[in-house]
Amino acid sequence: MQKIDRFISLSKRERMIVLGGGIFVAAFILIAGILMPFLDFRADTNTAIRNKDGQLRSIFELSAAIKSVELAARPGSRTDNKAFTLFGFLEELASKSGVNDRIEYMKPIIDAAESSRESVEVKIRGIYQEDLISLLYGIENCPDPLRIKRLHIRRVERDNNLDVTFQVVHYG
């Protein structure tokens, strides 16, 4: 009661100053203590949602890519190209790349444990780097499931070419 009496006993000007100060302190506490943390939390939450959404999209894309590779690698899943032979494909690719004359040997590798896989080892002498890149690009971008299992590259110093030995595996 004494505080109320003291407030009432103040002049009109003093009461306006005290009320203005009280309103200012209350507004500051409301804005700085409640509103700003809420807006910061909301902005952080929106940023986290956008980041997680991007991560989820990339996970879905990777999952779809993995499923398509698994489907292509499954034995018996390919019915459109029964006449595909790895040996023939590599010969055709070498002729397109212009390295037919540099092939030292192409030999099939037979693995008794994996009868569904066909492997060929290729050795090429004196190939230019651009021709090797073209050849490897053609192997990696074949519509059939092919992978390069082993790759050995040695630079020949006298003519600045490459000696290459690699093994290609056909899954299917």
N, C-alpha and C. Protein backbone atom coordinates (compact mmCIF):
# COMPACT_ATOMS: atom_id res chain seq x y z
N MET A 1 0.80 -1.19 0.00
CA MET A 1 0.00 0.00 0.00
C MET A 1 0.85 1.27 0.00
N GLN A 2 1.96 1.16 0.66
CA GLN A 2 2.82 2.34 0.72
C GLN A 2 3.32 2.71 -0.67
N LYS A 3 3.60 1.69 -1.50
CA LYS A 3 4.12 1.95 -2.84
C LYS A 3 3.05 2.59 -3.71
N ILE A 4 1.82 2.15 -3.55
CA ILE A 4 0.73 2.74 -4.32
C ILE A 4 0.52 4.18 -3.86
N ASP A 5 0.56 4.39 -2.55
CA ASP A 5 0.39 5.75 -2.03
C ASP A 5 1.54 6.64 -2.52
N ARG A 6 2.73 6.10 -2.53
CA ARG A 6 3.88 6.87 -3.00
C ARG A 6 3.70 7.21 -4.49
N PHE A 7 3.20 6.26 -5.30
CA PHE A 7 2.99 6.49 -6.73
C PHE A 7 1.92 7.56 -6.94
N ILE A 8 0.84 7.49 -6.14
CA ILE A 8 -0.24 8.46 -6.26
C ILE A 8 0.23 9.85 -5.84
N SER A 9 1.14 9.90 -4.90
CA SER A 9 1.60 11.19 -4.40
C SER A 9 2.55 11.89 -5.38
N LEU A 10 3.00 11.19 -6.41
CA LEU A 10 3.88 11.79 -7.39
C LEU A 10 3.10 12.76 -8.27
N SER A 11 3.83 13.69 -8.86
CA SER A 11 3.17 14.63 -9.76
C SER A 11 2.82 13.91 -11.06
N LYS A 12 1.97 14.55 -11.85
CA LYS A 12 1.52 13.94 -13.08
C LYS A 12 2.70 13.67 -14.02
N ARG A 13 3.62 14.55 -14.08
CA ARG A 13 4.81 14.41 -14.93
C ARG A 13 5.66 13.24 -14.46
N GLU A 14 5.89 13.09 -13.17
CA GLU A 14 6.69 11.99 -12.62
C GLU A 14 6.01 10.65 -12.86
N ARG A 15 4.66 10.63 -12.69
CA ARG A 15 3.93 9.39 -12.96
C ARG A 15 4.06 8.97 -14.42
N MET A 16 4.03 9.89 -15.37
CA MET A 16 4.19 9.59 -16.79
C MET A 16 5.59 9.03 -17.06
N ILE A 17 6.59 9.58 -16.42
CA ILE A 17 7.96 9.10 -16.60
C ILE A 17 8.10 7.69 -16.05
N VAL A 18 7.57 7.43 -14.86
CA VAL A 18 7.64 6.09 -14.26
C VAL A 18 6.85 5.09 -15.11
N LEU A 19 5.66 5.46 -15.55
CA LEU A 19 4.87 4.55 -16.40
C LEU A 19 5.58 4.31 -17.74
N GLY A 20 6.15 5.35 -18.33
CA GLY A 20 6.90 5.19 -19.59
C GLY A 20 8.09 4.27 -19.41
N GLY A 21 8.82 4.45 -18.31
CA GLY A 21 9.96 3.57 -18.02
C GLY A 21 9.52 2.13 -17.81
N GLY A 22 8.41 1.94 -17.12
CA GLY A 22 7.89 0.60 -16.89
C GLY A 22 7.47 -0.07 -18.20
N ILE A 23 6.80 0.71 -19.05
CA ILE A 23 6.39 0.18 -20.35
C ILE A 23 7.61 -0.16 -21.19
N PHE A 24 8.63 0.71 -21.14
CA PHE A 24 9.87 0.45 -21.90
C PHE A 24 10.55 -0.83 -21.41
N VAL A 25 10.67 -1.00 -20.09
CA VAL A 25 11.31 -2.22 -19.53
C VAL A 25 10.49 -3.45 -19.90
N ALA A 26 9.17 -3.36 -19.80
CA ALA A 26 8.32 -4.51 -20.15
C ALA A 26 8.45 -4.85 -21.63
N ALA A 27 8.46 -3.82 -22.50
CA ALA A 27 8.61 -4.07 -23.94
C ALA A 27 9.98 -4.66 -24.25
N PHE A 28 11.04 -4.17 -23.57
CA PHE A 28 12.38 -4.71 -23.78
C PHE A 28 12.46 -6.18 -23.37
N ILE A 29 11.89 -6.51 -22.23
CA ILE A 29 11.89 -7.90 -21.76
C ILE A 29 11.09 -8.77 -22.73
N LEU A 30 9.97 -8.25 -23.19
CA LEU A 30 9.14 -9.01 -24.13
C LEU A 30 9.89 -9.25 -25.44
N ILE A 31 10.51 -8.23 -25.99
CA ILE A 31 11.21 -8.35 -27.28
C ILE A 31 12.50 -9.14 -27.12
N ALA A 32 13.36 -8.75 -26.18
CA ALA A 32 14.68 -9.37 -26.05
C ALA A 32 14.61 -10.74 -25.39
N GLY A 33 13.66 -10.96 -24.53
CA GLY A 33 13.61 -12.22 -23.80
C GLY A 33 12.71 -13.27 -24.40
N ILE A 34 11.71 -12.85 -25.17
CA ILE A 34 10.75 -13.82 -25.68
C ILE A 34 10.69 -13.82 -27.21
N LEU A 35 10.48 -12.66 -27.81
CA LEU A 35 10.27 -12.58 -29.24
C LEU A 35 11.53 -12.92 -30.05
N MET A 36 12.68 -12.32 -29.72
CA MET A 36 13.92 -12.56 -30.47
C MET A 36 14.38 -14.02 -30.37
N PRO A 37 14.41 -14.64 -29.20
CA PRO A 37 14.78 -16.06 -29.17
C PRO A 37 13.83 -16.95 -29.96
N PHE A 38 12.54 -16.61 -29.94
CA PHE A 38 11.57 -17.38 -30.71
C PHE A 38 11.85 -17.25 -32.21
N LEU A 39 12.12 -16.04 -32.69
CA LEU A 39 12.41 -15.84 -34.11
C LEU A 39 13.73 -16.51 -34.50
N ASP A 40 14.76 -16.45 -33.65
CA ASP A 40 16.03 -17.14 -33.92
C ASP A 40 15.82 -18.65 -34.00
N PHE A 41 15.04 -19.19 -33.07
CA PHE A 41 14.76 -20.63 -33.07
C PHE A 41 14.02 -21.02 -34.35
N ARG A 42 13.07 -20.18 -34.76
CA ARG A 42 12.31 -20.47 -35.97
C ARG A 42 13.21 -20.45 -37.21
N ALA A 43 14.12 -19.47 -37.29
CA ALA A 43 15.04 -19.39 -38.43
C ALA A 43 15.99 -20.59 -38.44
N ASP A 44 16.51 -20.96 -37.27
CA ASP A 44 17.40 -22.13 -37.18
C ASP A 44 16.66 -23.41 -37.58
N THR A 45 15.43 -23.53 -37.16
CA THR A 45 14.63 -24.71 -37.50
C THR A 45 14.38 -24.78 -39.01
N ASN A 46 14.07 -23.64 -39.63
CA ASN A 46 13.85 -23.62 -41.08
C ASN A 46 15.13 -23.99 -41.83
N THR A 47 16.28 -23.49 -41.38
CA THR A 47 17.55 -23.83 -42.01
C THR A 47 17.84 -25.32 -41.86
N ALA A 48 17.61 -25.86 -40.68
CA ALA A 48 17.84 -27.29 -40.45
C ALA A 48 16.91 -28.13 -41.32
N ILE A 49 15.68 -27.70 -41.48
CA ILE A 49 14.73 -28.44 -42.32
C ILE A 49 15.19 -28.43 -43.77
N ARG A 50 15.65 -27.28 -44.27
CA ARG A 50 16.14 -27.22 -45.65
C ARG A 50 17.36 -28.12 -45.83
N ASN A 51 18.29 -28.12 -44.86
CA ASN A 51 19.48 -28.97 -44.95
C ASN A 51 19.10 -30.45 -44.94
N LYS A 52 18.23 -30.84 -44.04
CA LYS A 52 17.81 -32.24 -43.95
C LYS A 52 17.03 -32.65 -45.19
N ASP A 53 16.25 -31.74 -45.75
CA ASP A 53 15.52 -32.04 -46.98
C ASP A 53 16.49 -32.32 -48.12
N GLY A 54 17.54 -31.51 -48.23
CA GLY A 54 18.56 -31.75 -49.27
C GLY A 54 19.27 -33.07 -49.06
N GLN A 55 19.59 -33.39 -47.80
CA GLN A 55 20.24 -34.66 -47.52
C GLN A 55 19.31 -35.83 -47.85
N LEU A 56 18.05 -35.69 -47.53
CA LEU A 56 17.09 -36.75 -47.82
C LEU A 56 16.93 -36.95 -49.33
N ARG A 57 16.91 -35.86 -50.08
CA ARG A 57 16.83 -35.98 -51.54
C ARG A 57 18.04 -36.72 -52.09
N SER A 58 19.24 -36.38 -51.60
CA SER A 58 20.44 -37.07 -52.10
C SER A 58 20.43 -38.54 -51.69
N ILE A 59 19.89 -38.86 -50.52
CA ILE A 59 19.79 -40.26 -50.10
C ILE A 59 18.84 -41.02 -51.04
N PHE A 60 17.71 -40.39 -51.39
CA PHE A 60 16.77 -41.04 -52.32
C PHE A 60 17.41 -41.25 -53.68
N GLU A 61 18.17 -40.26 -54.17
CA GLU A 61 18.84 -40.40 -55.46
C GLU A 61 19.87 -41.52 -55.42
N LEU A 62 20.66 -41.57 -54.35
CA LEU A 62 21.66 -42.64 -54.23
C LEU A 62 20.98 -44.00 -54.11
N SER A 63 19.89 -44.06 -53.38
CA SER A 63 19.16 -45.31 -53.24
C SER A 63 18.62 -45.80 -54.58
N ALA A 64 18.11 -44.88 -55.37
CA ALA A 64 17.61 -45.26 -56.70
C ALA A 64 18.75 -45.74 -57.59
N ALA A 65 19.91 -45.07 -57.50
CA ALA A 65 21.05 -45.50 -58.31
C ALA A 65 21.54 -46.87 -57.88
N ILE A 66 21.58 -47.11 -56.58
CA ILE A 66 22.01 -48.42 -56.07
C ILE A 66 21.04 -49.51 -56.52
N LYS A 67 19.75 -49.23 -56.44
CA LYS A 67 18.75 -50.22 -56.86
C LYS A 67 18.88 -50.54 -58.34
N SER A 68 19.15 -49.52 -59.16
CA SER A 68 19.27 -49.78 -60.60
C SER A 68 20.54 -50.59 -60.90
N VAL A 69 21.62 -50.33 -60.17
CA VAL A 69 22.85 -51.10 -60.37
C VAL A 69 22.64 -52.54 -59.90
N GLU A 70 21.97 -52.72 -58.76
CA GLU A 70 21.69 -54.08 -58.28
C GLU A 70 20.82 -54.84 -59.27
N LEU A 71 19.85 -54.16 -59.84
CA LEU A 71 18.98 -54.80 -60.82
C LEU A 71 19.76 -55.19 -62.07
N ALA A 72 20.66 -54.32 -62.51
CA ALA A 72 21.46 -54.62 -63.70
C ALA A 72 22.46 -55.73 -63.42
N ALA A 73 22.96 -55.82 -62.20
CA ALA A 73 23.97 -56.82 -61.87
C ALA A 73 23.36 -58.19 -61.54
N ARG A 74 22.07 -58.24 -61.33
CA ARG A 74 21.40 -59.50 -60.98
C ARG A 74 21.44 -60.44 -62.18
N PRO A 75 21.89 -61.67 -61.99
CA PRO A 75 21.95 -62.62 -63.11
C PRO A 75 20.55 -62.86 -63.68
N GLY A 76 20.48 -62.87 -65.00
CA GLY A 76 19.22 -63.14 -65.66
C GLY A 76 18.34 -61.93 -65.81
N SER A 77 18.77 -60.77 -65.32
CA SER A 77 17.93 -59.58 -65.41
C SER A 77 18.01 -58.92 -66.77
N ARG A 78 19.04 -59.20 -67.54
CA ARG A 78 19.20 -58.59 -68.86
C ARG A 78 18.69 -59.55 -69.92
N THR A 79 17.69 -59.13 -70.64
CA THR A 79 17.15 -59.96 -71.70
C THR A 79 17.29 -59.31 -73.07
N ASP A 80 17.70 -58.03 -73.11
CA ASP A 80 17.70 -57.32 -74.37
C ASP A 80 18.95 -57.57 -75.21
N ASN A 81 20.06 -58.03 -74.62
CA ASN A 81 21.30 -58.16 -75.39
C ASN A 81 21.96 -59.50 -75.07
N LYS A 82 21.37 -60.55 -75.58
CA LYS A 82 21.92 -61.89 -75.32
C LYS A 82 23.19 -62.15 -76.12
N ALA A 83 23.41 -61.41 -77.20
CA ALA A 83 24.56 -61.67 -78.07
C ALA A 83 25.81 -60.91 -77.61
N PHE A 84 25.77 -60.23 -76.48
CA PHE A 84 26.92 -59.47 -76.01
C PHE A 84 28.03 -60.41 -75.56
N THR A 85 29.24 -60.16 -76.08
CA THR A 85 30.42 -60.85 -75.59
C THR A 85 31.45 -59.80 -75.23
N LEU A 86 32.09 -59.99 -74.13
CA LEU A 86 33.07 -59.02 -73.65
C LEU A 86 34.25 -58.91 -74.61
N PHE A 87 34.70 -60.04 -75.09
CA PHE A 87 35.84 -60.07 -76.01
C PHE A 87 35.53 -59.27 -77.28
N GLY A 88 34.36 -59.50 -77.85
CA GLY A 88 33.95 -58.78 -79.06
C GLY A 88 33.78 -57.29 -78.80
N PHE A 89 33.21 -56.96 -77.65
CA PHE A 89 33.02 -55.55 -77.32
C PHE A 89 34.37 -54.83 -77.20
N LEU A 90 35.35 -55.48 -76.55
CA LEU A 90 36.66 -54.85 -76.38
C LEU A 90 37.38 -54.70 -77.72
N GLU A 91 37.25 -55.68 -78.61
CA GLU A 91 37.85 -55.56 -79.94
C GLU A 91 37.23 -54.41 -80.72
N GLU A 92 35.91 -54.30 -80.66
CA GLU A 92 35.22 -53.22 -81.36
C GLU A 92 35.60 -51.86 -80.79
N LEU A 93 35.69 -51.78 -79.48
CA LEU A 93 36.06 -50.52 -78.83
C LEU A 93 37.50 -50.14 -79.18
N ALA A 94 38.39 -51.12 -79.23
CA ALA A 94 39.79 -50.85 -79.59
C ALA A 94 39.90 -50.36 -81.03
N SER A 95 39.10 -50.93 -81.92
CA SER A 95 39.15 -50.48 -83.31
C SER A 95 38.58 -49.06 -83.44
N LYS A 96 37.53 -48.74 -82.69
CA LYS A 96 36.97 -47.39 -82.70
C LYS A 96 37.98 -46.39 -82.13
N SER A 97 38.74 -46.80 -81.11
CA SER A 97 39.72 -45.90 -80.49
C SER A 97 41.01 -45.84 -81.29
N GLY A 98 41.18 -46.74 -82.24
CA GLY A 98 42.37 -46.74 -83.08
C GLY A 98 43.60 -47.35 -82.42
N VAL A 99 43.40 -48.27 -81.50
CA VAL A 99 44.53 -48.90 -80.81
C VAL A 99 44.62 -50.40 -81.13
N ASN A 100 43.95 -50.85 -82.18
CA ASN A 100 43.99 -52.27 -82.56
C ASN A 100 45.41 -52.77 -82.76
N ASP A 101 46.22 -52.00 -83.45
CA ASP A 101 47.57 -52.44 -83.78
C ASP A 101 48.50 -52.46 -82.58
N ARG A 102 48.12 -51.85 -81.49
CA ARG A 102 48.99 -51.78 -80.31
C ARG A 102 48.65 -52.84 -79.26
N ILE A 103 47.60 -53.61 -79.48
CA ILE A 103 47.21 -54.64 -78.51
C ILE A 103 48.21 -55.78 -78.58
N GLU A 104 48.85 -56.06 -77.46
CA GLU A 104 49.79 -57.17 -77.40
C GLU A 104 49.04 -58.49 -77.21
N TYR A 105 48.09 -58.50 -76.29
CA TYR A 105 47.26 -59.69 -76.13
C TYR A 105 45.94 -59.33 -75.46
N MET A 106 44.94 -60.19 -75.71
CA MET A 106 43.65 -60.17 -75.03
C MET A 106 43.35 -61.61 -74.67
N LYS A 107 43.31 -61.90 -73.39
CA LYS A 107 43.06 -63.29 -73.01
C LYS A 107 41.91 -63.38 -72.01
N PRO A 108 41.02 -64.33 -72.25
CA PRO A 108 39.92 -64.51 -71.30
C PRO A 108 40.44 -65.14 -70.01
N ILE A 109 39.86 -64.75 -68.90
CA ILE A 109 40.22 -65.30 -67.60
C ILE A 109 39.01 -66.04 -67.07
N ILE A 110 39.24 -67.29 -66.73
CA ILE A 110 38.14 -68.15 -66.27
C ILE A 110 38.27 -68.32 -64.76
N ASP A 111 37.19 -67.97 -64.06
CA ASP A 111 37.13 -68.12 -62.61
C ASP A 111 36.03 -69.15 -62.31
N ALA A 112 36.44 -70.29 -61.79
CA ALA A 112 35.48 -71.36 -61.54
C ALA A 112 34.47 -70.98 -60.47
N ALA A 113 34.86 -70.13 -59.52
CA ALA A 113 33.95 -69.74 -58.44
C ALA A 113 32.83 -68.83 -58.93
N GLU A 114 33.12 -68.00 -59.93
CA GLU A 114 32.13 -67.07 -60.45
C GLU A 114 31.84 -67.37 -61.91
N SER A 115 30.90 -68.26 -62.16
CA SER A 115 30.59 -68.64 -63.54
C SER A 115 29.74 -67.58 -64.24
N SER A 116 29.10 -66.69 -63.48
CA SER A 116 28.25 -65.68 -64.11
C SER A 116 29.07 -64.48 -64.58
N ARG A 117 30.34 -64.43 -64.26
CA ARG A 117 31.19 -63.32 -64.66
C ARG A 117 32.10 -63.74 -65.80
N GLU A 118 32.30 -62.83 -66.72
CA GLU A 118 33.22 -63.05 -67.83
C GLU A 118 34.33 -62.01 -67.69
N SER A 119 35.58 -62.45 -67.74
CA SER A 119 36.71 -61.54 -67.57
C SER A 119 37.67 -61.66 -68.75
N VAL A 120 38.26 -60.53 -69.12
CA VAL A 120 39.26 -60.49 -70.18
C VAL A 120 40.39 -59.59 -69.71
N GLU A 121 41.63 -60.07 -69.87
CA GLU A 121 42.80 -59.25 -69.57
C GLU A 121 43.37 -58.73 -70.88
N VAL A 122 43.70 -57.46 -70.92
CA VAL A 122 44.18 -56.80 -72.13
C VAL A 122 45.51 -56.13 -71.81
N LYS A 123 46.48 -56.31 -72.74
CA LYS A 123 47.76 -55.62 -72.61
C LYS A 123 47.99 -54.83 -73.89
N ILE A 124 48.24 -53.54 -73.72
CA ILE A 124 48.46 -52.64 -74.85
C ILE A 124 49.80 -51.95 -74.64
N ARG A 125 50.62 -51.94 -75.68
CA ARG A 125 51.94 -51.30 -75.62
C ARG A 125 51.94 -50.02 -76.45
N GLY A 126 52.58 -48.99 -75.93
CA GLY A 126 52.78 -47.75 -76.67
C GLY A 126 51.51 -47.00 -76.99
N ILE A 127 50.59 -46.92 -76.06
CA ILE A 127 49.33 -46.21 -76.29
C ILE A 127 49.48 -44.76 -75.80
N TYR A 128 48.86 -43.85 -76.50
CA TYR A 128 48.86 -42.46 -76.06
C TYR A 128 47.84 -42.28 -74.93
N GLN A 129 48.09 -41.29 -74.09
CA GLN A 129 47.23 -41.06 -72.94
C GLN A 129 45.79 -40.76 -73.35
N GLU A 130 45.60 -39.99 -74.41
CA GLU A 130 44.26 -39.65 -74.87
C GLU A 130 43.51 -40.90 -75.35
N ASP A 131 44.24 -41.80 -76.04
CA ASP A 131 43.61 -43.04 -76.51
C ASP A 131 43.22 -43.93 -75.33
N LEU A 132 44.06 -43.97 -74.30
CA LEU A 132 43.75 -44.76 -73.10
C LEU A 132 42.50 -44.20 -72.41
N ILE A 133 42.44 -42.89 -72.30
CA ILE A 133 41.27 -42.28 -71.66
C ILE A 133 40.02 -42.59 -72.46
N SER A 134 40.09 -42.52 -73.77
CA SER A 134 38.95 -42.84 -74.63
C SER A 134 38.52 -44.29 -74.45
N LEU A 135 39.48 -45.19 -74.38
CA LEU A 135 39.20 -46.61 -74.21
C LEU A 135 38.54 -46.88 -72.85
N LEU A 136 39.09 -46.31 -71.79
CA LEU A 136 38.52 -46.50 -70.45
C LEU A 136 37.14 -45.87 -70.33
N TYR A 137 36.96 -44.73 -70.97
CA TYR A 137 35.64 -44.09 -70.97
C TYR A 137 34.61 -44.97 -71.66
N GLY A 138 34.99 -45.58 -72.77
CA GLY A 138 34.08 -46.47 -73.48
C GLY A 138 33.70 -47.69 -72.65
N ILE A 139 34.65 -48.21 -71.88
CA ILE A 139 34.36 -49.37 -71.02
C ILE A 139 33.42 -48.98 -69.90
N GLU A 140 33.69 -47.86 -69.25
CA GLU A 140 32.87 -47.44 -68.11
C GLU A 140 31.46 -47.03 -68.53
N ASN A 141 31.27 -46.58 -69.76
CA ASN A 141 29.96 -46.12 -70.19
C ASN A 141 29.24 -47.12 -71.07
N CYS A 142 29.63 -48.36 -71.02
CA CYS A 142 28.95 -49.42 -71.74
C CYS A 142 27.58 -49.66 -71.07
N PRO A 143 26.53 -49.91 -71.86
CA PRO A 143 25.21 -50.17 -71.26
C PRO A 143 25.17 -51.48 -70.48
N ASP A 144 26.04 -52.42 -70.81
CA ASP A 144 26.11 -53.66 -70.04
C ASP A 144 26.94 -53.41 -68.78
N PRO A 145 26.71 -54.19 -67.73
CA PRO A 145 27.45 -53.96 -66.49
C PRO A 145 28.91 -54.43 -66.59
N LEU A 146 29.80 -53.51 -66.93
CA LEU A 146 31.24 -53.78 -67.03
C LEU A 146 31.97 -52.98 -65.98
N ARG A 147 33.04 -53.53 -65.46
CA ARG A 147 33.90 -52.81 -64.52
C ARG A 147 35.34 -53.18 -64.81
N ILE A 148 36.22 -52.23 -64.56
CA ILE A 148 37.65 -52.48 -64.68
C ILE A 148 38.12 -52.96 -63.32
N LYS A 149 38.58 -54.20 -63.30
CA LYS A 149 38.97 -54.81 -62.03
C LYS A 149 40.40 -54.45 -61.65
N ARG A 150 41.29 -54.52 -62.58
CA ARG A 150 42.70 -54.23 -62.34
C ARG A 150 43.21 -53.31 -63.44
N LEU A 151 44.09 -52.39 -63.08
CA LEU A 151 44.65 -51.47 -64.06
C LEU A 151 46.10 -51.19 -63.68
N HIS A 152 47.01 -51.47 -64.62
CA HIS A 152 48.43 -51.22 -64.39
C HIS A 152 48.94 -50.37 -65.55
N ILE A 153 49.46 -49.19 -65.21
CA ILE A 153 49.95 -48.26 -66.23
C ILE A 153 51.43 -47.99 -65.97
N ARG A 154 52.22 -48.08 -67.04
CA ARG A 154 53.66 -47.80 -66.94
C ARG A 154 54.03 -46.87 -68.08
N ARG A 155 54.72 -45.77 -67.75
CA ARG A 155 55.13 -44.80 -68.76
C ARG A 155 56.43 -45.27 -69.39
N VAL A 156 56.48 -45.26 -70.72
CA VAL A 156 57.68 -45.60 -71.48
C VAL A 156 58.39 -44.28 -71.78
N GLU A 157 59.59 -44.13 -71.24
CA GLU A 157 60.30 -42.85 -71.32
C GLU A 157 60.79 -42.51 -72.72
N ARG A 158 61.18 -43.50 -73.51
CA ARG A 158 61.82 -43.18 -74.80
C ARG A 158 60.87 -42.50 -75.79
N ASP A 159 59.60 -42.89 -75.81
CA ASP A 159 58.67 -42.25 -76.75
C ASP A 159 57.47 -41.62 -76.04
N ASN A 160 57.53 -41.55 -74.71
CA ASN A 160 56.53 -40.86 -73.89
C ASN A 160 55.12 -41.45 -74.06
N ASN A 161 55.03 -42.75 -74.30
CA ASN A 161 53.76 -43.45 -74.39
C ASN A 161 53.55 -44.25 -73.12
N LEU A 162 52.47 -45.02 -73.10
CA LEU A 162 52.12 -45.82 -71.94
C LEU A 162 52.00 -47.29 -72.32
N ASP A 163 52.46 -48.15 -71.42
CA ASP A 163 52.17 -49.58 -71.50
C ASP A 163 51.09 -49.86 -70.47
N VAL A 164 49.99 -50.46 -70.89
CA VAL A 164 48.83 -50.63 -70.03
C VAL A 164 48.41 -52.09 -70.00
N THR A 165 48.12 -52.57 -68.81
CA THR A 165 47.51 -53.89 -68.64
C THR A 165 46.29 -53.69 -67.75
N PHE A 166 45.14 -54.18 -68.21
CA PHE A 166 43.93 -54.06 -67.39
C PHE A 166 43.05 -55.28 -67.56
N GLN A 167 42.20 -55.50 -66.56
CA GLN A 167 41.27 -56.62 -66.59
C GLN A 167 39.86 -56.04 -66.52
N VAL A 168 39.03 -56.46 -67.44
CA VAL A 168 37.63 -56.00 -67.49
C VAL A 168 36.75 -57.18 -67.14
N VAL A 169 35.75 -56.92 -66.30
CA VAL A 169 34.82 -57.95 -65.85
C VAL A 169 33.41 -57.57 -66.30
N HIS A 170 32.71 -58.55 -66.89
CA HIS A 170 31.32 -58.38 -67.31
C HIS A 170 30.46 -59.15 -66.33
N TYR A 171 29.55 -58.44 -65.65
CA TYR A 171 28.62 -59.07 -64.71
C TYR A 171 27.31 -59.33 -65.45
N GLY A 172 27.00 -60.55 -65.66
CA GLY A 172 25.75 -60.82 -66.32
C GLY A 172 25.79 -62.02 -67.09
